[in-house]
Amino acid sequence: MELDVHADWGRICDYVDKAMKAGIYVSLATVDADGMPTVMPIGSLVLDTSEPTGFFLEKFPKSIAANASHNPNFCILAEDTKLSHIIKELRGRGGGLLGVKLFGTFGPRRAASAEEKARIKARLPLGKFVNLDKVLFAEGGEIRELTFSRAEAMSISVDEKAGTYQLG
């Protein structure tokens, strides 16, 4: 089911936040120079709640810079993987979303501002266990800007009478 990336942006941001709290990261898909898909976890995704843009810390996924240079398109999959959420959806008592796919283009890679570093640290639960300044920002820390152009909802419909379900 298609979502309007502008009209539904608040709902999308709320869902992505909930999904990242449940699963710690989202999956980012890109395409390499040979046309092969590449998927990697991104735990530092931060969305701008006022417009369909965002950023993430581009420190560990080394292939993103190369992939973005020849193909700026990407897809992010955010899923709330808590079993209780999935059961609610299967019973038709959830919010109607199993996941959200966000499509967009990479923007520039640049140094993170102090505010952006703070938002990344707030996003990551690992800060309770490790010094994020040392691990993530010791070498300055660069972010990759994102612009979103399309969104799709992943939902499930269940027909208990027929004993069937359909993912959408």
N, C-alpha and C. Protein backbone atom coordinates (compact mmCIF):
# COMPACT_ATOMS: atom_id res chain seq x y z
N MET A 1 0.85 -1.17 0.00
CA MET A 1 0.00 0.00 0.00
C MET A 1 0.90 1.23 0.00
N GLU A 2 0.63 2.12 -0.94
CA GLU A 2 1.42 3.34 -1.07
C GLU A 2 1.03 4.33 0.03
N LEU A 3 2.02 4.95 0.62
CA LEU A 3 1.82 6.03 1.57
C LEU A 3 2.23 7.33 0.89
N ASP A 4 1.59 8.42 1.25
CA ASP A 4 2.00 9.73 0.73
C ASP A 4 3.14 10.22 1.60
N VAL A 5 4.34 10.32 1.01
CA VAL A 5 5.53 10.65 1.79
C VAL A 5 5.42 12.01 2.47
N HIS A 6 4.58 12.90 1.94
CA HIS A 6 4.41 14.22 2.57
C HIS A 6 3.25 14.21 3.56
N ALA A 7 2.07 13.78 3.13
CA ALA A 7 0.88 13.80 3.99
C ALA A 7 1.00 12.82 5.16
N ASP A 8 1.66 11.69 4.95
CA ASP A 8 1.78 10.66 5.98
C ASP A 8 3.11 10.69 6.72
N TRP A 9 3.92 11.74 6.52
CA TRP A 9 5.27 11.76 7.07
C TRP A 9 5.29 11.63 8.59
N GLY A 10 4.38 12.27 9.29
CA GLY A 10 4.34 12.14 10.75
C GLY A 10 4.11 10.71 11.19
N ARG A 11 3.17 10.04 10.55
CA ARG A 11 2.89 8.62 10.85
C ARG A 11 4.10 7.76 10.52
N ILE A 12 4.75 8.05 9.40
CA ILE A 12 5.94 7.29 9.00
C ILE A 12 7.05 7.46 10.04
N CYS A 13 7.30 8.69 10.47
CA CYS A 13 8.35 8.94 11.48
C CYS A 13 8.04 8.22 12.78
N ASP A 14 6.78 8.27 13.22
CA ASP A 14 6.39 7.57 14.45
C ASP A 14 6.64 6.07 14.33
N TYR A 15 6.28 5.50 13.17
CA TYR A 15 6.45 4.07 12.99
C TYR A 15 7.94 3.69 12.95
N VAL A 16 8.75 4.45 12.22
CA VAL A 16 10.18 4.15 12.13
C VAL A 16 10.82 4.24 13.51
N ASP A 17 10.43 5.23 14.29
CA ASP A 17 10.96 5.36 15.65
C ASP A 17 10.59 4.13 16.49
N LYS A 18 9.35 3.71 16.41
CA LYS A 18 8.88 2.53 17.14
C LYS A 18 9.63 1.27 16.67
N ALA A 19 9.80 1.14 15.36
CA ALA A 19 10.49 -0.03 14.81
C ALA A 19 11.95 -0.06 15.24
N MET A 20 12.60 1.10 15.27
CA MET A 20 14.01 1.12 15.67
C MET A 20 14.17 0.85 17.16
N LYS A 21 13.21 1.23 17.96
CA LYS A 21 13.28 0.90 19.38
C LYS A 21 13.09 -0.60 19.59
N ALA A 22 12.27 -1.23 18.74
CA ALA A 22 12.03 -2.67 18.86
C ALA A 22 13.20 -3.48 18.33
N GLY A 23 13.81 -3.02 17.24
CA GLY A 23 14.83 -3.83 16.59
C GLY A 23 16.21 -3.20 16.52
N ILE A 24 16.38 -2.00 17.02
CA ILE A 24 17.64 -1.27 17.11
C ILE A 24 18.12 -0.69 15.77
N TYR A 25 17.78 -1.31 14.66
CA TYR A 25 18.27 -0.79 13.38
C TYR A 25 17.22 -0.99 12.28
N VAL A 26 17.45 -0.31 11.16
CA VAL A 26 16.69 -0.50 9.94
C VAL A 26 17.64 -1.14 8.92
N SER A 27 17.08 -1.65 7.85
CA SER A 27 17.90 -2.23 6.78
C SER A 27 17.95 -1.27 5.61
N LEU A 28 19.16 -0.99 5.14
CA LEU A 28 19.39 -0.08 4.02
C LEU A 28 19.86 -0.90 2.83
N ALA A 29 19.13 -0.78 1.71
CA ALA A 29 19.49 -1.50 0.49
C ALA A 29 20.02 -0.52 -0.55
N THR A 30 21.16 -0.88 -1.15
CA THR A 30 21.75 -0.12 -2.24
C THR A 30 22.13 -1.11 -3.34
N VAL A 31 22.66 -0.59 -4.42
CA VAL A 31 23.11 -1.44 -5.52
C VAL A 31 24.57 -1.13 -5.80
N ASP A 32 25.39 -2.18 -5.91
CA ASP A 32 26.82 -1.94 -6.16
C ASP A 32 27.08 -1.71 -7.65
N ALA A 33 28.33 -1.46 -8.01
CA ALA A 33 28.70 -1.13 -9.38
C ALA A 33 28.42 -2.27 -10.36
N ASP A 34 28.33 -3.51 -9.88
CA ASP A 34 28.03 -4.66 -10.73
C ASP A 34 26.53 -4.93 -10.82
N GLY A 35 25.71 -4.06 -10.21
CA GLY A 35 24.26 -4.23 -10.24
C GLY A 35 23.72 -5.18 -9.20
N MET A 36 24.58 -5.59 -8.27
CA MET A 36 24.15 -6.52 -7.22
C MET A 36 23.61 -5.76 -6.02
N PRO A 37 22.49 -6.22 -5.46
CA PRO A 37 21.95 -5.55 -4.28
C PRO A 37 22.83 -5.80 -3.05
N THR A 38 22.88 -4.81 -2.20
CA THR A 38 23.62 -4.88 -0.95
C THR A 38 22.70 -4.37 0.15
N VAL A 39 22.60 -5.11 1.24
CA VAL A 39 21.76 -4.70 2.37
C VAL A 39 22.62 -4.64 3.61
N MET A 40 22.45 -3.57 4.40
CA MET A 40 23.24 -3.44 5.63
C MET A 40 22.38 -2.81 6.72
N PRO A 41 22.68 -3.13 7.97
CA PRO A 41 21.94 -2.52 9.08
C PRO A 41 22.44 -1.10 9.34
N ILE A 42 21.50 -0.22 9.64
CA ILE A 42 21.82 1.17 10.00
C ILE A 42 21.12 1.46 11.33
N GLY A 43 21.90 1.67 12.37
CA GLY A 43 21.32 1.94 13.69
C GLY A 43 21.23 3.41 14.02
N SER A 44 21.79 4.26 13.18
CA SER A 44 21.87 5.69 13.50
C SER A 44 20.94 6.55 12.67
N LEU A 45 19.93 5.95 12.03
CA LEU A 45 19.00 6.72 11.20
C LEU A 45 18.25 7.75 12.04
N VAL A 46 18.27 8.99 11.59
CA VAL A 46 17.53 10.08 12.24
C VAL A 46 16.68 10.74 11.16
N LEU A 47 15.37 10.82 11.39
CA LEU A 47 14.47 11.46 10.44
C LEU A 47 14.12 12.86 10.90
N ASP A 48 13.99 13.77 9.95
CA ASP A 48 13.50 15.12 10.22
C ASP A 48 11.98 15.01 10.26
N THR A 49 11.38 15.34 11.37
CA THR A 49 9.93 15.16 11.52
C THR A 49 9.11 16.19 10.75
N SER A 50 9.74 17.24 10.23
CA SER A 50 8.98 18.27 9.52
C SER A 50 8.96 18.08 8.00
N GLU A 51 9.89 17.31 7.45
CA GLU A 51 9.94 17.07 6.01
C GLU A 51 10.58 15.72 5.74
N PRO A 52 10.32 15.13 4.57
CA PRO A 52 10.84 13.78 4.30
C PRO A 52 12.33 13.75 3.97
N THR A 53 13.11 14.03 4.98
CA THR A 53 14.57 13.97 4.88
C THR A 53 15.10 13.33 6.15
N GLY A 54 16.38 13.02 6.13
CA GLY A 54 17.02 12.45 7.31
C GLY A 54 18.50 12.31 7.07
N PHE A 55 19.16 11.57 7.96
CA PHE A 55 20.59 11.33 7.84
C PHE A 55 20.96 10.14 8.71
N PHE A 56 22.15 9.62 8.48
CA PHE A 56 22.69 8.58 9.35
C PHE A 56 24.20 8.73 9.38
N LEU A 57 24.80 8.17 10.40
CA LEU A 57 26.25 8.19 10.55
C LEU A 57 26.84 7.17 9.58
N GLU A 58 27.69 7.65 8.69
CA GLU A 58 28.29 6.76 7.69
C GLU A 58 29.72 6.43 8.10
N LYS A 59 29.83 5.58 9.11
CA LYS A 59 31.15 5.19 9.61
C LYS A 59 31.48 3.75 9.27
N PHE A 60 30.57 2.84 9.58
CA PHE A 60 30.86 1.42 9.45
C PHE A 60 30.51 0.83 8.07
N PRO A 61 29.39 1.21 7.47
CA PRO A 61 29.07 0.61 6.16
C PRO A 61 29.90 1.23 5.04
N LYS A 62 31.05 0.66 4.78
CA LYS A 62 32.03 1.23 3.84
C LYS A 62 31.54 1.23 2.39
N SER A 63 30.64 0.34 2.03
CA SER A 63 30.21 0.23 0.63
C SER A 63 29.24 1.34 0.20
N ILE A 64 28.67 2.05 1.15
CA ILE A 64 27.66 3.05 0.80
C ILE A 64 28.24 4.16 -0.07
N ALA A 65 29.41 4.67 0.27
CA ALA A 65 29.99 5.77 -0.51
C ALA A 65 30.20 5.35 -1.97
N ALA A 66 30.74 4.16 -2.18
CA ALA A 66 30.97 3.67 -3.55
C ALA A 66 29.65 3.47 -4.28
N ASN A 67 28.68 2.85 -3.60
CA ASN A 67 27.39 2.60 -4.24
C ASN A 67 26.65 3.90 -4.56
N ALA A 68 26.69 4.85 -3.65
CA ALA A 68 26.00 6.14 -3.85
C ALA A 68 26.63 6.94 -4.98
N SER A 69 27.92 6.74 -5.23
CA SER A 69 28.59 7.52 -6.28
C SER A 69 28.13 7.12 -7.68
N HIS A 70 27.69 5.88 -7.87
CA HIS A 70 27.23 5.48 -9.21
C HIS A 70 25.71 5.30 -9.28
N ASN A 71 25.05 5.15 -8.14
CA ASN A 71 23.60 5.04 -8.12
C ASN A 71 23.10 5.64 -6.81
N PRO A 72 22.51 6.81 -6.84
CA PRO A 72 22.12 7.50 -5.61
C PRO A 72 20.84 6.98 -4.96
N ASN A 73 20.20 5.99 -5.56
CA ASN A 73 18.93 5.49 -5.04
C ASN A 73 19.14 4.46 -3.93
N PHE A 74 18.20 4.44 -2.99
CA PHE A 74 18.25 3.47 -1.90
C PHE A 74 16.84 3.12 -1.46
N CYS A 75 16.75 2.08 -0.65
CA CYS A 75 15.49 1.70 0.00
C CYS A 75 15.82 1.35 1.45
N ILE A 76 15.02 1.86 2.36
CA ILE A 76 15.16 1.53 3.78
C ILE A 76 13.92 0.74 4.20
N LEU A 77 14.14 -0.35 4.89
CA LEU A 77 13.05 -1.15 5.44
C LEU A 77 13.09 -1.04 6.95
N ALA A 78 11.99 -0.55 7.52
CA ALA A 78 11.84 -0.47 8.98
C ALA A 78 10.71 -1.40 9.37
N GLU A 79 10.98 -2.32 10.29
CA GLU A 79 9.99 -3.28 10.74
C GLU A 79 9.93 -3.31 12.26
N ASP A 80 8.73 -3.30 12.80
CA ASP A 80 8.56 -3.52 14.23
C ASP A 80 8.52 -5.03 14.42
N THR A 81 9.60 -5.61 14.91
CA THR A 81 9.72 -7.06 15.00
C THR A 81 9.31 -7.63 16.36
N LYS A 82 8.73 -6.79 17.22
CA LYS A 82 8.25 -7.33 18.49
C LYS A 82 7.12 -8.33 18.22
N LEU A 83 7.21 -9.49 18.83
CA LEU A 83 6.21 -10.53 18.63
C LEU A 83 4.81 -10.03 18.99
N SER A 84 4.71 -9.24 20.04
CA SER A 84 3.39 -8.73 20.45
C SER A 84 2.78 -7.85 19.36
N HIS A 85 3.60 -7.07 18.66
CA HIS A 85 3.10 -6.23 17.56
C HIS A 85 2.61 -7.10 16.40
N ILE A 86 3.39 -8.11 16.04
CA ILE A 86 3.02 -8.98 14.93
C ILE A 86 1.71 -9.72 15.24
N ILE A 87 1.57 -10.20 16.47
CA ILE A 87 0.33 -10.89 16.85
C ILE A 87 -0.87 -9.94 16.77
N LYS A 88 -0.71 -8.70 17.24
CA LYS A 88 -1.80 -7.71 17.13
C LYS A 88 -2.19 -7.49 15.68
N GLU A 89 -1.19 -7.39 14.81
CA GLU A 89 -1.48 -7.20 13.38
C GLU A 89 -2.20 -8.41 12.80
N LEU A 90 -1.76 -9.60 13.16
CA LEU A 90 -2.41 -10.81 12.67
C LEU A 90 -3.87 -10.91 13.13
N ARG A 91 -4.14 -10.39 14.30
CA ARG A 91 -5.50 -10.41 14.84
C ARG A 91 -6.33 -9.19 14.41
N GLY A 92 -5.71 -8.32 13.61
CA GLY A 92 -6.43 -7.14 13.13
C GLY A 92 -6.61 -6.06 14.17
N ARG A 93 -5.79 -6.07 15.22
CA ARG A 93 -5.93 -5.10 16.31
C ARG A 93 -4.75 -4.13 16.40
N GLY A 94 -3.89 -4.14 15.41
CA GLY A 94 -2.73 -3.26 15.43
C GLY A 94 -3.01 -1.96 14.70
N GLY A 95 -1.98 -1.26 14.37
CA GLY A 95 -2.12 0.01 13.66
C GLY A 95 -2.15 -0.13 12.15
N GLY A 96 -2.13 -1.37 11.66
CA GLY A 96 -2.20 -1.60 10.23
C GLY A 96 -0.86 -1.65 9.52
N LEU A 97 0.24 -1.58 10.28
CA LEU A 97 1.56 -1.60 9.65
C LEU A 97 2.43 -2.71 10.23
N LEU A 98 2.97 -3.54 9.34
CA LEU A 98 4.01 -4.49 9.74
C LEU A 98 5.38 -3.89 9.51
N GLY A 99 5.45 -2.99 8.55
CA GLY A 99 6.70 -2.34 8.22
C GLY A 99 6.48 -1.20 7.26
N VAL A 100 7.54 -0.43 7.04
CA VAL A 100 7.51 0.68 6.10
C VAL A 100 8.76 0.61 5.25
N LYS A 101 8.57 0.74 3.93
CA LYS A 101 9.69 0.85 3.00
C LYS A 101 9.79 2.31 2.57
N LEU A 102 10.96 2.88 2.72
CA LEU A 102 11.20 4.27 2.33
C LEU A 102 12.18 4.28 1.16
N PHE A 103 11.80 4.95 0.09
CA PHE A 103 12.63 5.05 -1.10
C PHE A 103 13.13 6.47 -1.25
N GLY A 104 14.36 6.62 -1.68
CA GLY A 104 14.88 7.97 -1.84
C GLY A 104 16.23 8.00 -2.50
N THR A 105 16.88 9.16 -2.35
CA THR A 105 18.21 9.36 -2.93
C THR A 105 19.16 9.87 -1.87
N PHE A 106 20.41 9.46 -2.03
CA PHE A 106 21.47 9.91 -1.14
C PHE A 106 21.82 11.36 -1.45
N GLY A 107 22.07 12.11 -0.42
CA GLY A 107 22.62 13.44 -0.55
C GLY A 107 24.10 13.39 -0.25
N PRO A 108 24.67 14.54 0.02
CA PRO A 108 26.12 14.56 0.27
C PRO A 108 26.49 13.92 1.61
N ARG A 109 27.75 13.53 1.66
CA ARG A 109 28.37 13.07 2.91
C ARG A 109 29.12 14.28 3.46
N ARG A 110 28.94 14.55 4.75
CA ARG A 110 29.56 15.73 5.33
C ARG A 110 29.77 15.54 6.82
N ALA A 111 30.52 16.45 7.41
CA ALA A 111 30.77 16.41 8.84
C ALA A 111 29.47 16.63 9.61
N ALA A 112 29.28 15.89 10.67
CA ALA A 112 28.09 16.03 11.51
C ALA A 112 28.25 17.24 12.43
N SER A 113 27.15 17.97 12.60
CA SER A 113 27.14 19.09 13.55
C SER A 113 27.03 18.54 14.96
N ALA A 114 27.23 19.37 15.94
CA ALA A 114 27.09 18.96 17.34
C ALA A 114 25.67 18.48 17.61
N GLU A 115 24.68 19.18 17.05
CA GLU A 115 23.28 18.79 17.24
C GLU A 115 23.00 17.43 16.60
N GLU A 116 23.54 17.20 15.41
CA GLU A 116 23.33 15.91 14.74
C GLU A 116 24.01 14.78 15.50
N LYS A 117 25.19 15.02 16.04
CA LYS A 117 25.86 14.01 16.87
C LYS A 117 25.01 13.67 18.09
N ALA A 118 24.43 14.69 18.70
CA ALA A 118 23.58 14.46 19.87
C ALA A 118 22.34 13.63 19.50
N ARG A 119 21.76 13.91 18.34
CA ARG A 119 20.58 13.15 17.90
C ARG A 119 20.94 11.70 17.60
N ILE A 120 22.11 11.47 17.03
CA ILE A 120 22.56 10.10 16.77
C ILE A 120 22.79 9.37 18.09
N LYS A 121 23.44 10.02 19.03
CA LYS A 121 23.70 9.37 20.33
C LYS A 121 22.39 9.06 21.05
N ALA A 122 21.40 9.94 20.94
CA ALA A 122 20.10 9.70 21.57
C ALA A 122 19.39 8.51 20.92
N ARG A 123 19.64 8.28 19.64
CA ARG A 123 19.00 7.19 18.90
C ARG A 123 19.55 5.83 19.32
N LEU A 124 20.83 5.78 19.69
CA LEU A 124 21.50 4.51 19.93
C LEU A 124 21.45 4.10 21.40
N PRO A 125 20.86 2.95 21.71
CA PRO A 125 20.81 2.49 23.11
C PRO A 125 22.17 2.04 23.63
N LEU A 126 23.14 1.86 22.76
CA LEU A 126 24.46 1.38 23.17
C LEU A 126 25.21 2.38 24.03
N GLY A 127 24.76 3.62 24.04
CA GLY A 127 25.42 4.66 24.84
C GLY A 127 25.44 4.34 26.32
N LYS A 128 24.58 3.46 26.75
CA LYS A 128 24.56 3.04 28.15
C LYS A 128 25.74 2.13 28.48
N PHE A 129 26.34 1.55 27.43
CA PHE A 129 27.37 0.54 27.62
C PHE A 129 28.75 0.94 27.11
N VAL A 130 28.80 1.85 26.15
CA VAL A 130 30.08 2.27 25.57
C VAL A 130 30.12 3.78 25.43
N ASN A 131 31.32 4.32 25.35
CA ASN A 131 31.50 5.76 25.14
C ASN A 131 31.32 6.04 23.66
N LEU A 132 30.13 6.54 23.27
CA LEU A 132 29.83 6.76 21.86
C LEU A 132 30.71 7.83 21.24
N ASP A 133 31.11 8.84 22.02
CA ASP A 133 32.00 9.86 21.47
C ASP A 133 33.30 9.23 20.99
N LYS A 134 33.81 8.31 21.78
CA LYS A 134 35.08 7.66 21.44
C LYS A 134 34.90 6.68 20.27
N VAL A 135 33.84 5.88 20.31
CA VAL A 135 33.63 4.85 19.30
C VAL A 135 33.17 5.45 17.97
N LEU A 136 32.24 6.39 18.01
CA LEU A 136 31.64 6.89 16.77
C LEU A 136 32.28 8.17 16.24
N PHE A 137 32.68 9.06 17.13
CA PHE A 137 33.07 10.39 16.69
C PHE A 137 34.53 10.75 16.93
N ALA A 138 35.36 9.77 17.26
CA ALA A 138 36.77 10.04 17.53
C ALA A 138 37.47 10.65 16.32
N GLU A 139 37.04 10.26 15.14
CA GLU A 139 37.65 10.79 13.91
C GLU A 139 36.78 11.87 13.28
N GLY A 140 35.90 12.46 14.04
CA GLY A 140 35.04 13.55 13.55
C GLY A 140 33.61 13.12 13.31
N GLY A 141 33.41 12.08 12.57
CA GLY A 141 32.06 11.58 12.31
C GLY A 141 31.41 12.29 11.13
N GLU A 142 31.13 11.52 10.09
CA GLU A 142 30.46 12.07 8.92
C GLU A 142 29.10 11.44 8.77
N ILE A 143 28.16 12.25 8.32
CA ILE A 143 26.81 11.76 8.09
C ILE A 143 26.52 11.77 6.60
N ARG A 144 25.53 10.98 6.21
CA ARG A 144 25.04 10.96 4.84
C ARG A 144 23.61 11.49 4.89
N GLU A 145 23.36 12.53 4.12
CA GLU A 145 22.01 13.10 4.04
C GLU A 145 21.13 12.22 3.15
N LEU A 146 19.84 12.20 3.46
CA LEU A 146 18.86 11.40 2.73
C LEU A 146 17.65 12.25 2.38
N THR A 147 17.11 12.04 1.20
CA THR A 147 15.85 12.66 0.80
C THR A 147 14.92 11.54 0.37
N PHE A 148 13.73 11.51 0.94
CA PHE A 148 12.77 10.45 0.65
C PHE A 148 11.73 10.94 -0.36
N SER A 149 11.44 10.09 -1.34
CA SER A 149 10.50 10.45 -2.40
C SER A 149 9.25 9.59 -2.43
N ARG A 150 9.31 8.43 -1.79
CA ARG A 150 8.18 7.50 -1.82
C ARG A 150 8.22 6.62 -0.59
N ALA A 151 7.05 6.16 -0.18
CA ALA A 151 6.96 5.25 0.96
C ALA A 151 5.87 4.22 0.69
N GLU A 152 6.10 3.02 1.15
CA GLU A 152 5.11 1.94 1.05
C GLU A 152 4.92 1.31 2.41
N ALA A 153 3.66 1.03 2.72
CA ALA A 153 3.33 0.34 3.96
C ALA A 153 3.34 -1.16 3.70
N MET A 154 3.88 -1.89 4.65
CA MET A 154 3.77 -3.35 4.63
C MET A 154 2.68 -3.71 5.64
N SER A 155 1.66 -4.35 5.14
CA SER A 155 0.54 -4.69 6.02
C SER A 155 0.18 -6.16 5.82
N ILE A 156 -0.72 -6.62 6.64
CA ILE A 156 -1.19 -8.00 6.53
C ILE A 156 -2.70 -7.99 6.70
N SER A 157 -3.37 -8.74 5.87
CA SER A 157 -4.81 -8.92 6.04
C SER A 157 -5.07 -10.40 6.25
N VAL A 158 -5.92 -10.68 7.22
CA VAL A 158 -6.19 -12.06 7.62
C VAL A 158 -7.66 -12.37 7.40
N ASP A 159 -7.94 -13.51 6.78
CA ASP A 159 -9.30 -14.01 6.63
C ASP A 159 -9.36 -15.29 7.45
N GLU A 160 -9.81 -15.14 8.72
CA GLU A 160 -9.82 -16.30 9.62
C GLU A 160 -10.77 -17.39 9.13
N LYS A 161 -11.87 -16.98 8.49
CA LYS A 161 -12.85 -17.95 8.00
C LYS A 161 -12.20 -18.86 6.95
N ALA A 162 -11.48 -18.24 6.01
CA ALA A 162 -10.84 -19.01 4.95
C ALA A 162 -9.50 -19.58 5.38
N GLY A 163 -8.96 -19.06 6.50
CA GLY A 163 -7.67 -19.53 6.99
C GLY A 163 -6.52 -19.03 6.13
N THR A 164 -6.69 -17.83 5.56
CA THR A 164 -5.65 -17.29 4.71
C THR A 164 -5.21 -15.91 5.20
N TYR A 165 -4.06 -15.51 4.73
CA TYR A 165 -3.57 -14.16 5.00
C TYR A 165 -2.85 -13.66 3.76
N GLN A 166 -2.76 -12.36 3.66
CA GLN A 166 -2.08 -11.75 2.52
C GLN A 166 -1.23 -10.60 3.00
N LEU A 167 0.03 -10.63 2.60
CA LEU A 167 0.92 -9.52 2.90
C LEU A 167 0.74 -8.48 1.79
N GLY A 168 0.74 -7.22 2.21
CA GLY A 168 0.60 -6.15 1.22
C GLY A 168 1.61 -5.08 1.43
